[in-house]
Amino acid sequence: MRYLIAFILALLLAPTPTTLAGDDLVDVSYTFRISMYGGGAHGCAVNGKTMTARHVVDVRNSILEPLPKARFRYDFFENANRSGVGEAAMVSPFSDLAVVKLDKEPPFGYADLGPEPKIGDRLRWVEYDFRRASKAYQPRGRSGKVVSVFAGLIVIEAEATKGASGGCAYNDANEVVGLISYKKETDDEKWVTGIAGLYGEWWAR
């Protein structure tokens, strides 16, 4: 009986996955916020790794220099007990991807890795909300439609906000297919966002 009570209490006290109700519904359980150098970014717990965009943590002037242990603070949104300190561990030599080491395990484990998306698929992510000062840096759910996929890069027709870099990009099955990387304005005054894909040969052998 004592073990049964302990088991029930453990279930009741376990963190509950969080779904963000914003412009789009996004499960934020595997996305974490990063604060470093006075700015904000995001990271992603996926397929047994904690990751972010390489440009968030790789501050070297040359790839010939050793990778510094760039340190940052992080949290998993509504889970105050899941905040702490992380540092850069490895970077991809040819993609905007980096593996980081956190001082705690992700509260909900790791998202599943999804397959290469197809043109027309809709992807979702979490970013900081800068629409109003009263909402600044609050999480906002977003989505965009895939318009191009090539060489491990996914391009969606949407403008991710500053600080979205490194966050999980989810497909409709809530699998992670890549990390938010950059945004670019097109000649017709619209915006696209680049996502560094996590499928296939994204890492050095």
Protein backbone atom coordinates (compact mmCIF):
# COMPACT_ATOMS: atom_id res chain seq x y z
CA MET A 1 0.00 0.00 0.00
CA ARG A 2 2.83 2.39 0.86
CA TYR A 3 4.39 1.87 -2.58
CA LEU A 4 1.04 2.38 -4.28
CA ILE A 5 0.52 5.71 -2.50
CA ALA A 6 4.03 6.81 -3.42
CA PHE A 7 3.39 5.87 -7.07
CA ILE A 8 0.12 7.85 -7.18
CA LEU A 9 1.77 10.89 -5.59
CA ALA A 10 4.59 10.73 -8.15
CA LEU A 11 2.05 10.76 -10.98
CA LEU A 12 0.18 13.71 -9.48
CA LEU A 13 3.36 15.73 -8.97
CA ALA A 14 4.85 14.97 -12.39
CA PRO A 15 5.01 17.95 -14.78
CA THR A 16 2.17 18.15 -17.28
CA PRO A 17 2.93 18.76 -20.97
CA THR A 18 2.06 22.30 -21.98
CA THR A 19 0.10 23.28 -25.08
CA LEU A 20 0.40 26.90 -26.13
CA ALA A 21 -2.83 28.55 -27.24
CA GLY A 22 -1.71 31.37 -29.50
CA ASP A 23 -2.19 32.08 -33.19
CA ASP A 24 -1.62 28.34 -33.58
CA LEU A 25 -1.74 25.48 -31.10
CA VAL A 26 1.81 24.29 -30.46
CA ASP A 27 2.99 21.72 -27.92
CA VAL A 28 5.80 23.56 -26.16
CA SER A 29 6.85 20.62 -24.01
CA TYR A 30 10.13 20.10 -25.90
CA THR A 31 11.03 23.73 -26.64
CA PHE A 32 13.10 25.68 -24.12
CA ARG A 33 13.96 29.36 -23.89
CA ILE A 34 17.57 30.55 -23.89
CA SER A 35 18.97 33.78 -22.47
CA MET A 36 22.55 34.80 -23.20
CA TYR A 37 24.53 37.93 -24.11
CA GLY A 38 21.52 40.06 -23.23
CA GLY A 39 19.32 38.42 -25.88
CA GLY A 40 16.90 35.56 -26.24
CA ALA A 41 16.74 32.43 -28.39
CA HIS A 42 15.27 28.94 -28.16
CA GLY A 43 16.37 25.32 -27.98
CA CYS A 44 14.82 21.94 -28.65
CA ALA A 45 14.88 18.56 -26.90
CA VAL A 46 14.63 16.00 -29.69
CA ASN A 47 15.71 12.43 -30.37
CA GLY A 48 17.82 12.14 -27.21
CA LYS A 49 19.63 15.46 -27.71
CA THR A 50 19.19 19.05 -26.55
CA MET A 51 19.94 21.40 -29.42
CA THR A 52 19.82 24.96 -30.70
CA ALA A 53 20.89 26.86 -33.79
CA ARG A 54 24.65 26.97 -34.25
CA HIS A 55 24.71 30.76 -34.59
CA VAL A 56 23.22 31.09 -31.09
CA VAL A 57 26.19 29.50 -29.32
CA ASP A 58 29.08 29.55 -31.81
CA VAL A 59 30.69 32.97 -31.35
CA ARG A 60 34.01 32.15 -33.01
CA ASN A 61 35.50 34.37 -35.71
CA SER A 62 36.98 31.33 -37.43
CA ILE A 63 36.04 27.63 -37.48
CA LEU A 64 39.75 26.91 -36.95
CA GLU A 65 39.44 28.18 -33.37
CA PRO A 66 38.37 25.70 -30.67
CA LEU A 67 34.66 25.81 -29.82
CA PRO A 68 34.20 27.90 -26.66
CA LYS A 69 31.99 26.60 -23.86
CA ALA A 70 29.39 29.27 -24.52
CA ARG A 71 27.13 29.23 -21.47
CA PHE A 72 23.50 30.33 -21.19
CA ARG A 73 20.46 30.19 -18.94
CA TYR A 74 17.36 28.27 -19.99
CA ASP A 75 13.87 27.28 -18.87
CA PHE A 76 11.09 25.02 -20.10
CA PHE A 77 8.28 27.60 -20.10
CA GLU A 78 5.77 26.91 -17.31
CA ASN A 79 8.12 24.62 -15.39
CA ALA A 80 10.08 26.86 -13.04
CA ASN A 81 11.78 23.80 -11.52
CA ARG A 82 13.18 23.01 -14.97
CA SER A 83 15.40 26.04 -15.39
CA GLY A 84 19.14 26.06 -15.18
CA VAL A 85 22.40 26.57 -17.03
CA GLY A 86 23.59 25.03 -20.29
CA GLU A 87 26.62 25.20 -22.53
CA ALA A 88 27.63 24.46 -26.11
CA ALA A 89 28.86 20.91 -26.68
CA MET A 90 29.18 20.32 -30.46
CA VAL A 91 28.32 22.14 -33.67
CA SER A 92 27.55 20.82 -37.13
CA PRO A 93 30.28 21.68 -39.65
CA PHE A 94 27.80 22.43 -42.43
CA SER A 95 24.39 23.19 -40.88
CA ASP A 96 23.07 25.83 -38.48
CA LEU A 97 22.76 23.18 -35.76
CA ALA A 98 24.42 22.71 -32.39
CA VAL A 99 24.15 20.20 -29.56
CA VAL A 100 24.07 21.76 -26.12
CA LYS A 101 24.42 20.25 -22.65
CA LEU A 102 21.87 21.17 -19.97
CA ASP A 103 22.40 20.72 -16.24
CA LYS A 104 18.99 18.97 -15.93
CA GLU A 105 17.10 16.43 -18.00
CA PRO A 106 14.19 17.84 -20.06
CA PRO A 107 10.98 17.55 -17.97
CA PHE A 108 9.02 15.73 -20.70
CA GLY A 109 11.83 13.79 -22.32
CA TYR A 110 12.53 14.24 -26.01
CA ALA A 111 10.35 14.82 -29.06
CA ASP A 112 10.34 12.23 -31.81
CA LEU A 113 12.24 13.00 -34.99
CA GLY A 114 10.05 13.41 -38.06
CA PRO A 115 10.71 12.68 -41.74
CA GLU A 116 11.63 15.20 -44.40
CA PRO A 117 8.57 17.41 -44.97
CA LYS A 118 6.94 17.94 -48.34
CA ILE A 119 6.01 21.15 -50.12
CA GLY A 120 2.63 22.26 -48.83
CA ASP A 121 3.08 20.74 -45.35
CA ARG A 122 2.38 23.06 -42.43
CA LEU A 123 5.01 23.37 -39.69
CA ARG A 124 4.59 24.96 -36.25
CA TRP A 125 6.98 26.57 -33.80
CA VAL A 126 7.14 28.81 -30.73
CA GLU A 127 8.60 32.31 -30.73
CA TYR A 128 8.65 35.46 -28.60
CA ASP A 129 5.64 37.75 -28.89
CA PHE A 130 6.59 41.33 -29.79
CA ARG A 131 3.19 42.54 -30.99
CA ARG A 132 2.55 44.52 -27.80
CA ALA A 133 4.86 45.74 -25.04
CA SER A 134 2.63 44.10 -22.43
CA LYS A 135 3.24 40.72 -24.07
CA ALA A 136 6.95 41.13 -24.82
CA TYR A 137 8.90 37.86 -24.67
CA GLN A 138 5.79 35.81 -23.88
CA PRO A 139 5.51 32.60 -25.94
CA ARG A 140 3.51 32.75 -29.17
CA GLY A 141 2.54 29.80 -31.36
CA ARG A 142 3.07 30.22 -35.11
CA SER A 143 2.79 28.17 -38.27
CA GLY A 144 3.88 28.38 -41.89
CA LYS A 145 3.54 26.38 -45.10
CA VAL A 146 6.56 24.67 -46.65
CA VAL A 147 7.46 26.19 -50.04
CA SER A 148 10.87 24.59 -50.67
CA VAL A 149 13.00 21.69 -49.40
CA PHE A 150 16.59 21.13 -50.54
CA ALA A 151 19.95 19.98 -49.16
CA GLY A 152 18.68 19.67 -45.60
CA LEU A 153 17.06 23.11 -45.62
CA ILE A 154 13.33 23.67 -45.22
CA VAL A 155 11.85 27.00 -46.33
CA ILE A 156 8.43 28.13 -45.14
CA GLU A 157 6.37 31.15 -46.14
CA ALA A 158 6.30 33.01 -42.82
CA GLU A 159 8.33 35.56 -40.89
CA ALA A 160 9.72 34.18 -37.65
CA THR A 161 10.49 36.86 -35.08
CA LYS A 162 13.93 37.70 -33.75
CA GLY A 163 14.80 35.19 -31.03
CA ALA A 164 12.96 32.27 -32.62
CA SER A 165 16.29 30.73 -33.66
CA GLY A 166 16.94 27.23 -32.38
CA GLY A 167 13.33 26.35 -31.55
CA CYS A 168 11.66 23.09 -32.56
CA ALA A 169 9.79 23.03 -35.88
CA TYR A 170 6.94 20.52 -35.50
CA ASN A 171 4.91 18.75 -38.14
CA ASP A 172 1.22 17.86 -37.70
CA ALA A 173 2.20 14.64 -35.92
CA ASN A 174 4.07 16.72 -33.30
CA GLU A 175 7.37 15.35 -34.55
CA VAL A 176 10.36 17.68 -34.88
CA VAL A 177 11.74 18.02 -38.42
CA GLY A 178 14.26 20.81 -37.80
CA LEU A 179 15.23 23.96 -35.92
CA ILE A 180 14.36 27.56 -36.80
CA SER A 181 17.44 29.12 -38.41
CA TYR A 182 16.90 32.45 -40.21
CA LYS A 183 14.43 34.70 -42.01
CA LYS A 184 14.71 36.61 -45.29
CA GLU A 185 12.60 39.18 -47.09
CA THR A 186 11.80 38.38 -50.73
CA ASP A 187 11.63 40.85 -53.62
CA ASP A 188 7.82 40.89 -53.48
CA GLU A 189 8.05 42.26 -49.90
CA LYS A 190 7.07 39.00 -48.24
CA TRP A 191 9.08 36.87 -45.84
CA VAL A 192 10.36 33.31 -45.69
CA THR A 193 11.95 31.47 -42.79
CA GLY A 194 14.70 28.86 -43.11
CA ILE A 195 14.64 25.74 -40.95
CA ALA A 196 17.74 23.56 -40.56
CA GLY A 197 16.52 20.01 -41.14
CA LEU A 198 17.31 17.24 -38.66
CA TYR A 199 16.57 14.34 -41.00
CA GLY A 200 19.24 12.64 -43.09
CA GLU A 201 22.94 13.54 -43.10
CA TRP A 202 22.93 16.70 -41.01
CA TRP A 203 25.98 15.71 -38.94
CA ALA A 204 29.59 14.92 -39.83
CA ARG A 205 30.53 11.26 -40.04
